[in-house]
Amino acid sequence: MTIRRVVPNNQVESVAGMATSRDFYGLLGFEEVMHMGWVMTMASPSNPTAQISFFTEERTAPVVPDLSVEVEDVDAVYAQVVASGAEVVRELRDEEWGVRRFFVRDPNGRVVNVLSHQR
């Protein structure tokens, strides 16, 4: 399996909370690279895979995931997760913004968003 990046996800109360987070993490050198209203991602300009995301909600799944893991082949990872008996929180599917993803619960109860960007 090839892991491309791991992104911590932080739930914020509101869009205003997102703006406050953007301002704070901007002080640390992060820049906004995606903003869909309900989710915003910031990245390091010098190391674009160093990212952090902020959610006001999760619009296409039952929960806000605790972290996201981008993999090279999400279908292969999904097959391994299902075969292991791990709890799939949200089935594998394509999203309108160009990712294919599923959610799985880790042994400690955290929800992991596993995804690949569609090409």
PDB file of N, CA and C in Angstrom:
ATOM      1  N   MET A   1       0.838  -1.186   0.000  1.00  0.00           N
ATOM      2  CA  MET A   1       0.000   0.000   0.000  1.00  0.00           C
ATOM      3  C   MET A   1       0.878   1.243   0.000  1.00  0.00           C
ATOM      4  N   THR A   2       0.507   2.190  -0.810  1.00  0.00           N
ATOM      5  CA  THR A   2       1.212   3.463  -0.827  1.00  0.00           C
ATOM      6  C   THR A   2       0.338   4.507  -0.160  1.00  0.00           C
ATOM      7  N   ILE A   3       0.872   5.120   0.889  1.00  0.00           N
ATOM      8  CA  ILE A   3       0.177   6.219   1.569  1.00  0.00           C
ATOM      9  C   ILE A   3       0.744   7.517   1.026  1.00  0.00           C
ATOM     10  N   ARG A   4      -0.124   8.386   0.567  1.00  0.00           N
ATOM     11  CA  ARG A   4       0.313   9.657  -0.002  1.00  0.00           C
ATOM     12  C   ARG A   4       0.343  10.783   1.017  1.00  0.00           C
ATOM     13  N   ARG A   5      -0.597  10.751   1.976  1.00  0.00           N
ATOM     14  CA  ARG A   5      -0.616  11.775   3.026  1.00  0.00           C
ATOM     15  C   ARG A   5      -1.594  11.367   4.112  1.00  0.00           C
ATOM     16  N   VAL A   6      -1.392  11.938   5.287  1.00  0.00           N
ATOM     17  CA  VAL A   6      -2.297  11.768   6.417  1.00  0.00           C
ATOM     18  C   VAL A   6      -2.660  13.176   6.879  1.00  0.00           C
ATOM     19  N   VAL A   7      -3.966  13.439   7.027  1.00  0.00           N
ATOM     20  CA  VAL A   7      -4.436  14.775   7.369  1.00  0.00           C
ATOM     21  C   VAL A   7      -5.309  14.709   8.618  1.00  0.00           C
ATOM     22  N   PRO A   8      -4.925  15.426   9.692  1.00  0.00           N
ATOM     23  CA  PRO A   8      -5.824  15.499  10.842  1.00  0.00           C
ATOM     24  C   PRO A   8      -7.044  16.344  10.495  1.00  0.00           C
ATOM     25  N   ASN A   9      -8.206  15.928  10.968  1.00  0.00           N
ATOM     26  CA  ASN A   9      -9.461  16.652  10.743  1.00  0.00           C
ATOM     27  C   ASN A   9      -9.947  17.214  12.069  1.00  0.00           C
ATOM     28  N   ASN A  10     -10.291  18.475  12.069  1.00  0.00           N
ATOM     29  CA  ASN A  10     -10.762  19.147  13.276  1.00  0.00           C
ATOM     30  C   ASN A  10     -12.164  19.665  13.049  1.00  0.00           C
ATOM     31  N   GLN A  11     -13.070  19.334  13.947  1.00  0.00           N
ATOM     32  CA  GLN A  11     -14.422  19.855  13.848  1.00  0.00           C
ATOM     33  C   GLN A  11     -14.477  21.216  14.532  1.00  0.00           C
ATOM     34  N   VAL A  12     -15.065  22.187  13.853  1.00  0.00           N
ATOM     35  CA  VAL A  12     -15.248  23.532  14.398  1.00  0.00           C
ATOM     36  C   VAL A  12     -16.743  23.816  14.480  1.00  0.00           C
ATOM     37  N   GLU A  13     -17.118  24.742  15.333  1.00  0.00           N
ATOM     38  CA  GLU A  13     -18.529  25.036  15.588  1.00  0.00           C
ATOM     39  C   GLU A  13     -19.237  25.712  14.419  1.00  0.00           C
ATOM     40  N   SER A  14     -18.487  26.526  13.669  1.00  0.00           N
ATOM     41  CA  SER A  14     -19.155  27.361  12.666  1.00  0.00           C
ATOM     42  C   SER A  14     -18.164  27.795  11.594  1.00  0.00           C
ATOM     43  N   VAL A  15     -18.684  28.474  10.586  1.00  0.00           N
ATOM     44  CA  VAL A  15     -17.836  29.052   9.552  1.00  0.00           C
ATOM     45  C   VAL A  15     -16.908  30.100  10.178  1.00  0.00           C
ATOM     46  N   ALA A  16     -17.400  30.811  11.190  1.00  0.00           N
ATOM     47  CA  ALA A  16     -16.553  31.778  11.896  1.00  0.00           C
ATOM     48  C   ALA A  16     -15.389  31.056  12.577  1.00  0.00           C
ATOM     49  N   GLY A  17     -15.651  29.873  13.132  1.00  0.00           N
ATOM     50  CA  GLY A  17     -14.590  29.077  13.735  1.00  0.00           C
ATOM     51  C   GLY A  17     -13.569  28.640  12.707  1.00  0.00           C
ATOM     52  N   MET A  18     -14.030  28.393  11.498  1.00  0.00           N
ATOM     53  CA  MET A  18     -13.140  28.037  10.409  1.00  0.00           C
ATOM     54  C   MET A  18     -12.206  29.216  10.100  1.00  0.00           C
ATOM     55  N   ALA A  19     -12.782  30.419  10.054  1.00  0.00           N
ATOM     56  CA  ALA A  19     -11.989  31.619   9.769  1.00  0.00           C
ATOM     57  C   ALA A  19     -10.947  31.856  10.862  1.00  0.00           C
ATOM     58  N   THR A  20     -11.351  31.655  12.109  1.00  0.00           N
ATOM     59  CA  THR A  20     -10.417  31.820  13.225  1.00  0.00           C
ATOM     60  C   THR A  20      -9.283  30.804  13.117  1.00  0.00           C
ATOM     61  N   SER A  21      -9.622  29.567  12.777  1.00  0.00           N
ATOM     62  CA  SER A  21      -8.605  28.526  12.598  1.00  0.00           C
ATOM     63  C   SER A  21      -7.683  28.871  11.437  1.00  0.00           C
ATOM     64  N   ARG A  22      -8.252  29.353  10.333  1.00  0.00           N
ATOM     65  CA  ARG A  22      -7.441  29.747   9.173  1.00  0.00           C
ATOM     66  C   ARG A  22      -6.436  30.824   9.577  1.00  0.00           C
ATOM     67  N   ASP A  23      -6.903  31.814  10.335  1.00  0.00           N
ATOM     68  CA  ASP A  23      -6.009  32.891  10.765  1.00  0.00           C
ATOM     69  C   ASP A  23      -4.898  32.353  11.667  1.00  0.00           C
ATOM     70  N   PHE A  24      -5.265  31.498  12.620  1.00  0.00           N
ATOM     71  CA  PHE A  24      -4.265  30.953  13.545  1.00  0.00           C
ATOM     72  C   PHE A  24      -3.236  30.107  12.807  1.00  0.00           C
ATOM     73  N   TYR A  25      -3.700  29.140  12.002  1.00  0.00           N
ATOM     74  CA  TYR A  25      -2.767  28.254  11.315  1.00  0.00           C
ATOM     75  C   TYR A  25      -1.982  28.988  10.225  1.00  0.00           C
ATOM     76  N   GLY A  26      -2.511  30.103   9.763  1.00  0.00           N
ATOM     77  CA  GLY A  26      -1.753  30.974   8.865  1.00  0.00           C
ATOM     78  C   GLY A  26      -0.507  31.508   9.546  1.00  0.00           C
ATOM     79  N   LEU A  27      -0.605  31.764  10.852  1.00  0.00           N
ATOM     80  CA  LEU A  27       0.558  32.219  11.620  1.00  0.00           C
ATOM     81  C   LEU A  27       1.674  31.172  11.628  1.00  0.00           C
ATOM     82  N   LEU A  28       1.282  29.902  11.488  1.00  0.00           N
ATOM     83  CA  LEU A  28       2.252  28.805  11.473  1.00  0.00           C
ATOM     84  C   LEU A  28       2.774  28.501  10.069  1.00  0.00           C
ATOM     85  N   GLY A  29       2.285  29.240   9.071  1.00  0.00           N
ATOM     86  CA  GLY A  29       2.764  29.070   7.706  1.00  0.00           C
ATOM     87  C   GLY A  29       1.850  28.298   6.779  1.00  0.00           C
ATOM     88  N   PHE A  30       0.687  27.864   7.281  1.00  0.00           N
ATOM     89  CA  PHE A  30      -0.259  27.151   6.420  1.00  0.00           C
ATOM     90  C   PHE A  30      -1.023  28.139   5.546  1.00  0.00           C
ATOM     91  N   GLU A  31      -1.415  27.688   4.354  1.00  0.00           N
ATOM     92  CA  GLU A  31      -2.248  28.476   3.447  1.00  0.00           C
ATOM     93  C   GLU A  31      -3.477  27.671   3.055  1.00  0.00           C
ATOM     94  N   GLU A  32      -4.594  28.354   2.877  1.00  0.00           N
ATOM     95  CA  GLU A  32      -5.828  27.691   2.464  1.00  0.00           C
ATOM     96  C   GLU A  32      -5.668  27.146   1.046  1.00  0.00           C
ATOM     97  N   VAL A  33      -5.978  25.865   0.870  1.00  0.00           N
ATOM     98  CA  VAL A  33      -5.884  25.251  -0.454  1.00  0.00           C
ATOM     99  C   VAL A  33      -7.225  24.717  -0.951  1.00  0.00           C
ATOM    100  N   MET A  34      -8.212  24.587  -0.052  1.00  0.00           N
ATOM    101  CA  MET A  34      -9.545  24.144  -0.441  1.00  0.00           C
ATOM    102  C   MET A  34     -10.547  24.691   0.573  1.00  0.00           C
ATOM    103  N   HIS A  35     -11.683  25.160   0.054  1.00  0.00           N
ATOM    104  CA  HIS A  35     -12.758  25.618   0.951  1.00  0.00           C
ATOM    105  C   HIS A  35     -14.082  25.350   0.253  1.00  0.00           C
ATOM    106  N   MET A  36     -14.869  24.442   0.852  1.00  0.00           N
ATOM    107  CA  MET A  36     -16.161  24.077   0.268  1.00  0.00           C
ATOM    108  C   MET A  36     -17.322  24.570   1.129  1.00  0.00           C
ATOM    109  N   GLY A  37     -17.048  25.488   2.054  1.00  0.00           N
ATOM    110  CA  GLY A  37     -18.088  26.004   2.929  1.00  0.00           C
ATOM    111  C   GLY A  37     -18.213  25.214   4.207  1.00  0.00           C
ATOM    112  N   TRP A  38     -18.255  23.907   4.121  1.00  0.00           N
ATOM    113  CA  TRP A  38     -18.381  23.024   5.280  1.00  0.00           C
ATOM    114  C   TRP A  38     -17.072  22.323   5.630  1.00  0.00           C
ATOM    115  N   VAL A  39     -16.111  22.363   4.717  1.00  0.00           N
ATOM    116  CA  VAL A  39     -14.786  21.796   4.955  1.00  0.00           C
ATOM    117  C   VAL A  39     -13.742  22.709   4.315  1.00  0.00           C
ATOM    118  N   MET A  40     -12.659  22.932   5.049  1.00  0.00           N
ATOM    119  CA  MET A  40     -11.557  23.754   4.563  1.00  0.00           C
ATOM    120  C   MET A  40     -10.261  23.005   4.857  1.00  0.00           C
ATOM    121  N   THR A  41      -9.347  23.017   3.884  1.00  0.00           N
ATOM    122  CA  THR A  41      -8.041  22.395   4.078  1.00  0.00           C
ATOM    123  C   THR A  41      -6.961  23.446   3.888  1.00  0.00           C
ATOM    124  N   MET A  42      -5.967  23.372   4.765  1.00  0.00           N
ATOM    125  CA  MET A  42      -4.809  24.247   4.683  1.00  0.00           C
ATOM    126  C   MET A  42      -3.576  23.373   4.496  1.00  0.00           C
ATOM    127  N   ALA A  43      -2.570  23.908   3.795  1.00  0.00           N
ATOM    128  CA  ALA A  43      -1.356  23.143   3.521  1.00  0.00           C
ATOM    129  C   ALA A  43      -0.135  24.038   3.637  1.00  0.00           C
ATOM    130  N   SER A  44       0.993  23.393   3.817  1.00  0.00           N
ATOM    131  CA  SER A  44       2.272  24.092   3.822  1.00  0.00           C
ATOM    132  C   SER A  44       2.677  24.372   2.379  1.00  0.00           C
ATOM    133  N   PRO A  45       3.004  25.615   2.042  1.00  0.00           N
ATOM    134  CA  PRO A  45       3.441  25.911   0.680  1.00  0.00           C
ATOM    135  C   PRO A  45       4.731  25.170   0.294  1.00  0.00           C
ATOM    136  N   SER A  46       5.606  24.930   1.266  1.00  0.00           N
ATOM    137  CA  SER A  46       6.878  24.274   0.969  1.00  0.00           C
ATOM    138  C   SER A  46       6.779  22.745   0.995  1.00  0.00           C
ATOM    139  N   ASN A  47       5.713  22.224   1.619  1.00  0.00           N
ATOM    140  CA  ASN A  47       5.502  20.779   1.699  1.00  0.00           C
ATOM    141  C   ASN A  47       4.000  20.535   1.580  1.00  0.00           C
ATOM    142  N   PRO A  48       3.457  20.534   0.362  1.00  0.00           N
ATOM    143  CA  PRO A  48       2.005  20.498   0.167  1.00  0.00           C
ATOM    144  C   PRO A  48       1.270  19.307   0.770  1.00  0.00           C
ATOM    145  N   THR A  49       1.970  18.227   1.107  1.00  0.00           N
ATOM    146  CA  THR A  49       1.292  17.099   1.737  1.00  0.00           C
ATOM    147  C   THR A  49       1.147  17.283   3.246  1.00  0.00           C
ATOM    148  N   ALA A  50       1.760  18.312   3.801  1.00  0.00           N
ATOM    149  CA  ALA A  50       1.571  18.649   5.221  1.00  0.00           C
ATOM    150  C   ALA A  50       0.313  19.502   5.301  1.00  0.00           C
ATOM    151  N   GLN A  51      -0.779  18.888   5.743  1.00  0.00           N
ATOM    152  CA  GLN A  51      -2.088  19.534   5.690  1.00  0.00           C
ATOM    153  C   GLN A  51      -2.852  19.370   6.994  1.00  0.00           C
ATOM    154  N   ILE A  52      -3.887  20.198   7.143  1.00  0.00           N
ATOM    155  CA  ILE A  52      -4.836  20.111   8.243  1.00  0.00           C
ATOM    156  C   ILE A  52      -6.193  20.543   7.691  1.00  0.00           C
ATOM    157  N   SER A  53      -7.258  19.852   8.100  1.00  0.00           N
ATOM    158  CA  SER A  53      -8.600  20.191   7.613  1.00  0.00           C
ATOM    159  C   SER A  53      -9.511  20.554   8.775  1.00  0.00           C
ATOM    160  N   PHE A  54     -10.505  21.386   8.469  1.00  0.00           N
ATOM    161  CA  PHE A  54     -11.491  21.842   9.451  1.00  0.00           C
ATOM    162  C   PHE A  54     -12.880  21.614   8.875  1.00  0.00           C
ATOM    163  N   PHE A  55     -13.759  21.013   9.669  1.00  0.00           N
ATOM    164  CA  PHE A  55     -15.121  20.694   9.258  1.00  0.00           C
ATOM    165  C   PHE A  55     -16.120  21.376  10.176  1.00  0.00           C
ATOM    166  N   THR A  56     -17.162  21.967   9.596  1.00  0.00           N
ATOM    167  CA  THR A  56     -18.298  22.391  10.411  1.00  0.00           C
ATOM    168  C   THR A  56     -19.288  21.238  10.517  1.00  0.00           C
ATOM    169  N   GLU A  57     -19.245  20.347   9.530  1.00  0.00           N
ATOM    170  CA  GLU A  57     -20.101  19.166   9.466  1.00  0.00           C
ATOM    171  C   GLU A  57     -19.541  18.265   8.383  1.00  0.00           C
ATOM    172  N   GLU A  58     -20.089  17.091   8.250  1.00  0.00           N
ATOM    173  CA  GLU A  58     -19.756  16.182   7.152  1.00  0.00           C
ATOM    174  C   GLU A  58     -21.031  16.035   6.351  1.00  0.00           C
ATOM    175  N   ARG A  59     -21.063  16.564   5.147  1.00  0.00           N
ATOM    176  CA  ARG A  59     -22.304  16.612   4.372  1.00  0.00           C
ATOM    177  C   ARG A  59     -22.665  15.319   3.668  1.00  0.00           C
ATOM    178  N   THR A  60     -21.728  14.399   3.511  1.00  0.00           N
ATOM    179  CA  THR A  60     -22.045  13.184   2.751  1.00  0.00           C
ATOM    180  C   THR A  60     -21.850  11.905   3.552  1.00  0.00           C
ATOM    181  N   ALA A  61     -21.620  12.025   4.848  1.00  0.00           N
ATOM    182  CA  ALA A  61     -21.401  10.843   5.679  1.00  0.00           C
ATOM    183  C   ALA A  61     -21.991  11.084   7.063  1.00  0.00           C
ATOM    184  N   PRO A  62     -22.128  10.012   7.854  1.00  0.00           N
ATOM    185  CA  PRO A  62     -22.809  10.143   9.144  1.00  0.00           C
ATOM    186  C   PRO A  62     -22.003  10.864  10.235  1.00  0.00           C
ATOM    187  N   VAL A  63     -20.679  10.957  10.082  1.00  0.00           N
ATOM    188  CA  VAL A  63     -19.836  11.587  11.108  1.00  0.00           C
ATOM    189  C   VAL A  63     -18.693  12.347  10.456  1.00  0.00           C
ATOM    190  N   VAL A  64     -18.115  13.298  11.206  1.00  0.00           N
ATOM    191  CA  VAL A  64     -16.875  13.946  10.783  1.00  0.00           C
ATOM    192  C   VAL A  64     -15.734  12.992  11.139  1.00  0.00           C
ATOM    193  N   PRO A  65     -14.917  12.611  10.170  1.00  0.00           N
ATOM    194  CA  PRO A  65     -13.821  11.696  10.477  1.00  0.00           C
ATOM    195  C   PRO A  65     -12.740  12.387  11.310  1.00  0.00           C
ATOM    196  N   ASP A  66     -12.037  11.596  12.104  1.00  0.00           N
ATOM    197  CA  ASP A  66     -10.958  12.131  12.934  1.00  0.00           C
ATOM    198  C   ASP A  66      -9.701  12.429  12.122  1.00  0.00           C
ATOM    199  N   LEU A  67      -9.481  11.649  11.082  1.00  0.00           N
ATOM    200  CA  LEU A  67      -8.352  11.910  10.206  1.00  0.00           C
ATOM    201  C   LEU A  67      -8.637  11.325   8.841  1.00  0.00           C
ATOM    202  N   SER A  68      -7.866  11.800   7.868  1.00  0.00           N
ATOM    203  CA  SER A  68      -7.986  11.307   6.501  1.00  0.00           C
ATOM    204  C   SER A  68      -6.652  10.720   6.083  1.00  0.00           C
ATOM    205  N   VAL A  69      -6.719   9.591   5.377  1.00  0.00           N
ATOM    206  CA  VAL A  69      -5.529   8.947   4.854  1.00  0.00           C
ATOM    207  C   VAL A  69      -5.729   8.779   3.356  1.00  0.00           C
ATOM    208  N   GLU A  70      -4.890   9.464   2.581  1.00  0.00           N
ATOM    209  CA  GLU A  70      -4.948   9.313   1.132  1.00  0.00           C
ATOM    210  C   GLU A  70      -4.024   8.176   0.734  1.00  0.00           C
ATOM    211  N   VAL A  71      -4.588   7.209   0.007  1.00  0.00           N
ATOM    212  CA  VAL A  71      -3.835   6.040  -0.439  1.00  0.00           C
ATOM    213  C   VAL A  71      -3.825   5.992  -1.960  1.00  0.00           C
ATOM    214  N   GLU A  72      -2.931   5.211  -2.499  1.00  0.00           N
ATOM    215  CA  GLU A  72      -2.841   5.094  -3.950  1.00  0.00           C
ATOM    216  C   GLU A  72      -4.030   4.324  -4.532  1.00  0.00           C
ATOM    217  N   ASP A  73      -4.455   3.255  -3.849  1.00  0.00           N
ATOM    218  CA  ASP A  73      -5.517   2.391  -4.368  1.00  0.00           C
ATOM    219  C   ASP A  73      -6.574   2.148  -3.292  1.00  0.00           C
ATOM    220  N   VAL A  74      -7.576   3.024  -3.235  1.00  0.00           N
ATOM    221  CA  VAL A  74      -8.595   2.936  -2.190  1.00  0.00           C
ATOM    222  C   VAL A  74      -9.425   1.658  -2.300  1.00  0.00           C
ATOM    223  N   ASP A  75      -9.621   1.157  -3.499  1.00  0.00           N
ATOM    224  CA  ASP A  75     -10.389  -0.080  -3.663  1.00  0.00           C
ATOM    225  C   ASP A  75      -9.674  -1.265  -3.022  1.00  0.00           C
ATOM    226  N   ALA A  76      -8.365  -1.349  -3.186  1.00  0.00           N
ATOM    227  CA  ALA A  76      -7.594  -2.434  -2.573  1.00  0.00           C
ATOM    228  C   ALA A  76      -7.626  -2.319  -1.049  1.00  0.00           C
ATOM    229  N   VAL A  77      -7.490  -1.103  -0.524  1.00  0.00           N
ATOM    230  CA  VAL A  77      -7.527  -0.918   0.927  1.00  0.00           C
ATOM    231  C   VAL A  77      -8.910  -1.279   1.457  1.00  0.00           C
ATOM    232  N   TYR A  78      -9.958  -0.867   0.745  1.00  0.00           N
ATOM    233  CA  TYR A  78     -11.324  -1.190   1.155  1.00  0.00           C
ATOM    234  C   TYR A  78     -11.512  -2.704   1.243  1.00  0.00           C
ATOM    235  N   ALA A  79     -11.032  -3.421   0.239  1.00  0.00           N
ATOM    236  CA  ALA A  79     -11.163  -4.883   0.232  1.00  0.00           C
ATOM    237  C   ALA A  79     -10.453  -5.493   1.442  1.00  0.00           C
ATOM    238  N   GLN A  80      -9.284  -4.989   1.781  1.00  0.00           N
ATOM    239  CA  GLN A  80      -8.551  -5.500   2.943  1.00  0.00           C
ATOM    240  C   GLN A  80      -9.284  -5.196   4.242  1.00  0.00           C
ATOM    241  N   VAL A  81      -9.826  -3.987   4.345  1.00  0.00           N
ATOM    242  CA  VAL A  81     -10.553  -3.590   5.560  1.00  0.00           C
ATOM    243  C   VAL A  81     -11.787  -4.464   5.751  1.00  0.00           C
ATOM    244  N   VAL A  82     -12.553  -4.654   4.689  1.00  0.00           N
ATOM    245  CA  VAL A  82     -13.754  -5.492   4.769  1.00  0.00           C
ATOM    246  C   VAL A  82     -13.377  -6.923   5.145  1.00  0.00           C
ATOM    247  N   ALA A  83     -12.325  -7.458   4.516  1.00  0.00           N
ATOM    248  CA  ALA A  83     -11.890  -8.824   4.812  1.00  0.00           C
ATOM    249  C   ALA A  83     -11.433  -8.978   6.265  1.00  0.00           C
ATOM    250  N   SER A  84     -10.928  -7.891   6.846  1.00  0.00           N
ATOM    251  CA  SER A  84     -10.445  -7.950   8.235  1.00  0.00           C
ATOM    252  C   SER A  84     -11.578  -7.971   9.249  1.00  0.00           C
ATOM    253  N   GLY A  85     -12.781  -7.571   8.812  1.00  0.00           N
ATOM    254  CA  GLY A  85     -13.913  -7.491   9.723  1.00  0.00           C
ATOM    255  C   GLY A  85     -14.025  -6.167  10.450  1.00  0.00           C
ATOM    256  N   ALA A  86     -13.178  -5.193  10.114  1.00  0.00           N
ATOM    257  CA  ALA A  86     -13.252  -3.873  10.745  1.00  0.00           C
ATOM    258  C   ALA A  86     -14.602  -3.229  10.425  1.00  0.00           C
ATOM    259  N   GLU A  87     -15.037  -2.324  11.298  1.00  0.00           N
ATOM    260  CA  GLU A  87     -16.334  -1.672  11.123  1.00  0.00           C
ATOM    261  C   GLU A  87     -16.257  -0.581  10.056  1.00  0.00           C
ATOM    262  N   VAL A  88     -16.932  -0.798   8.952  1.00  0.00           N
ATOM    263  CA  VAL A  88     -17.039   0.227   7.913  1.00  0.00           C
ATOM    264  C   VAL A  88     -18.176   1.160   8.329  1.00  0.00           C
ATOM    265  N   VAL A  89     -17.853   2.424   8.534  1.00  0.00           N
ATOM    266  CA  VAL A  89     -18.823   3.422   8.990  1.00  0.00           C
ATOM    267  C   VAL A  89     -19.586   4.000   7.808  1.00  0.00           C
ATOM    268  N   ARG A  90     -18.928   4.056   6.677  1.00  0.00           N
ATOM    269  CA  ARG A  90     -19.537   4.569   5.444  1.00  0.00           C
ATOM    270  C   ARG A  90     -18.934   3.801   4.283  1.00  0.00           C
ATOM    271  N   GLU A  91     -19.788   3.257   3.445  1.00  0.00           N
ATOM    272  CA  GLU A  91     -19.347   2.430   2.323  1.00  0.00           C
ATOM    273  C   GLU A  91     -18.530   3.230   1.302  1.00  0.00           C
ATOM    274  N   LEU A  92     -17.753   2.526   0.520  1.00  0.00           N
ATOM    275  CA  LEU A  92     -16.936   3.104  -0.543  1.00  0.00           C
ATOM    276  C   LEU A  92     -17.826   3.754  -1.595  1.00  0.00           C
ATOM    277  N   ARG A  93     -17.489   4.985  -1.966  1.00  0.00           N
ATOM    278  CA  ARG A  93     -18.245   5.667  -3.024  1.00  0.00           C
ATOM    279  C   ARG A  93     -17.455   6.828  -3.594  1.00  0.00           C
ATOM    280  N   ASP A  94     -17.890   7.272  -4.766  1.00  0.00           N
ATOM    281  CA  ASP A  94     -17.287   8.420  -5.436  1.00  0.00           C
ATOM    282  C   ASP A  94     -17.991   9.690  -4.979  1.00  0.00           C
ATOM    283  N   GLU A  95     -17.205  10.740  -4.749  1.00  0.00           N
ATOM    284  CA  GLU A  95     -17.746  12.039  -4.361  1.00  0.00           C
ATOM    285  C   GLU A  95     -17.680  12.991  -5.542  1.00  0.00           C
ATOM    286  N   GLU A  96     -18.583  13.939  -5.577  1.00  0.00           N
ATOM    287  CA  GLU A  96     -18.669  14.867  -6.702  1.00  0.00           C
ATOM    288  C   GLU A  96     -17.442  15.758  -6.837  1.00  0.00           C
ATOM    289  N   TRP A  97     -16.645  15.884  -5.776  1.00  0.00           N
ATOM    290  CA  TRP A  97     -15.467  16.755  -5.841  1.00  0.00           C
ATOM    291  C   TRP A  97     -14.190  15.998  -6.211  1.00  0.00           C
ATOM    292  N   GLY A  98     -14.330  14.757  -6.703  1.00  0.00           N
ATOM    293  CA  GLY A  98     -13.203  14.065  -7.309  1.00  0.00           C
ATOM    294  C   GLY A  98     -12.425  13.107  -6.428  1.00  0.00           C
ATOM    295  N   VAL A  99     -13.031  12.629  -5.344  1.00  0.00           N
ATOM    296  CA  VAL A  99     -12.369  11.604  -4.544  1.00  0.00           C
ATOM    297  C   VAL A  99     -13.254  10.374  -4.465  1.00  0.00           C
ATOM    298  N   ARG A 100     -12.631   9.246  -4.247  1.00  0.00           N
ATOM    299  CA  ARG A 100     -13.322   7.984  -3.968  1.00  0.00           C
ATOM    300  C   ARG A 100     -12.913   7.644  -2.551  1.00  0.00           C
ATOM    301  N   ARG A 101     -13.894   7.375  -1.662  1.00  0.00           N
ATOM    302  CA  ARG A 101     -13.547   7.216  -0.256  1.00  0.00           C
ATOM    303  C   ARG A 101     -14.527   6.334   0.501  1.00  0.00           C
ATOM    304  N   PHE A 102     -14.066   5.903   1.684  1.00  0.00           N
ATOM    305  CA  PHE A 102     -14.904   5.210   2.650  1.00  0.00           C
ATOM    306  C   PHE A 102     -14.416   5.586   4.041  1.00  0.00           C
ATOM    307  N   PHE A 103     -15.248   5.323   5.046  1.00  0.00           N
ATOM    308  CA  PHE A 103     -14.883   5.576   6.442  1.00  0.00           C
ATOM    309  C   PHE A 103     -14.819   4.239   7.167  1.00  0.00           C
ATOM    310  N   VAL A 104     -13.813   4.089   8.034  1.00  0.00           N
ATOM    311  CA  VAL A 104     -13.663   2.892   8.843  1.00  0.00           C
ATOM    312  C   VAL A 104     -13.332   3.320  10.275  1.00  0.00           C
ATOM    313  N   ARG A 105     -13.803   2.554  11.249  1.00  0.00           N
ATOM    314  CA  ARG A 105     -13.506   2.848  12.658  1.00  0.00           C
ATOM    315  C   ARG A 105     -12.254   2.060  13.059  1.00  0.00           C
ATOM    316  N   ASP A 106     -11.274   2.770  13.656  1.00  0.00           N
ATOM    317  CA  ASP A 106     -10.061   2.092  14.103  1.00  0.00           C
ATOM    318  C   ASP A 106     -10.314   1.405  15.452  1.00  0.00           C
ATOM    319  N   PRO A 107      -9.388   0.593  15.954  1.00  0.00           N
ATOM    320  CA  PRO A 107      -9.612  -0.141  17.197  1.00  0.00           C
ATOM    321  C   PRO A 107      -9.838   0.755  18.418  1.00  0.00           C
ATOM    322  N   ASN A 108      -9.467   2.028  18.331  1.00  0.00           N
ATOM    323  CA  ASN A 108      -9.648   2.962  19.446  1.00  0.00           C
ATOM    324  C   ASN A 108     -10.910   3.805  19.314  1.00  0.00           C
ATOM    325  N   GLY A 109     -11.716   3.518  18.287  1.00  0.00           N
ATOM    326  CA  GLY A 109     -12.979   4.225  18.107  1.00  0.00           C
ATOM    327  C   GLY A 109     -12.914   5.433  17.203  1.00  0.00           C
ATOM    328  N   ARG A 110     -11.734   5.764  16.697  1.00  0.00           N
ATOM    329  CA  ARG A 110     -11.616   6.917  15.808  1.00  0.00           C
ATOM    330  C   ARG A 110     -12.065   6.545  14.398  1.00  0.00           C
ATOM    331  N   VAL A 111     -12.688   7.503  13.723  1.00  0.00           N
ATOM    332  CA  VAL A 111     -13.159   7.266  12.368  1.00  0.00           C
ATOM    333  C   VAL A 111     -12.125   7.802  11.381  1.00  0.00           C
ATOM    334  N   VAL A 112     -11.724   6.940  10.460  1.00  0.00           N
ATOM    335  CA  VAL A 112     -10.700   7.266   9.469  1.00  0.00           C
ATOM    336  C   VAL A 112     -11.356   7.346   8.086  1.00  0.00           C
ATOM    337  N   ASN A 113     -11.138   8.461   7.407  1.00  0.00           N
ATOM    338  CA  ASN A 113     -11.577   8.693   6.034  1.00  0.00           C
ATOM    339  C   ASN A 113     -10.439   8.197   5.147  1.00  0.00           C
ATOM    340  N   VAL A 114     -10.666   7.113   4.396  1.00  0.00           N
ATOM    341  CA  VAL A 114      -9.640   6.573   3.508  1.00  0.00           C
ATOM    342  C   VAL A 114     -10.049   6.930   2.094  1.00  0.00           C
ATOM    343  N   LEU A 115      -9.125   7.555   1.334  1.00  0.00           N
ATOM    344  CA  LEU A 115      -9.505   8.102   0.039  1.00  0.00           C
ATOM    345  C   LEU A 115      -8.394   8.014  -0.981  1.00  0.00           C
ATOM    346  N   SER A 116      -8.797   8.103  -2.235  1.00  0.00           N
ATOM    347  CA  SER A 116      -7.902   8.310  -3.375  1.00  0.00           C
ATOM    348  C   SER A 116      -8.532   9.394  -4.229  1.00  0.00           C
ATOM    349  N   HIS A 117      -7.695  10.223  -4.814  1.00  0.00           N
ATOM    350  CA  HIS A 117      -8.200  11.206  -5.767  1.00  0.00           C
ATOM    351  C   HIS A 117      -8.417  10.502  -7.098  1.00  0.00           C
ATOM    352  N   GLN A 118      -9.537  10.799  -7.721  1.00  0.00           N
ATOM    353  CA  GLN A 118      -9.848  10.211  -9.024  1.00  0.00           C
ATOM    354  C   GLN A 118      -9.108  10.988 -10.086  1.00  0.00           C
ATOM    355  N   ARG A 119      -8.672  10.293 -11.074  1.00  0.00           N
ATOM    356  CA  ARG A 119      -7.896  10.938 -12.136  1.00  0.00           C
ATOM    357  C   ARG A 119      -8.664  10.961 -13.411  1.00  0.00           C
TER     358      ARG A 119
END
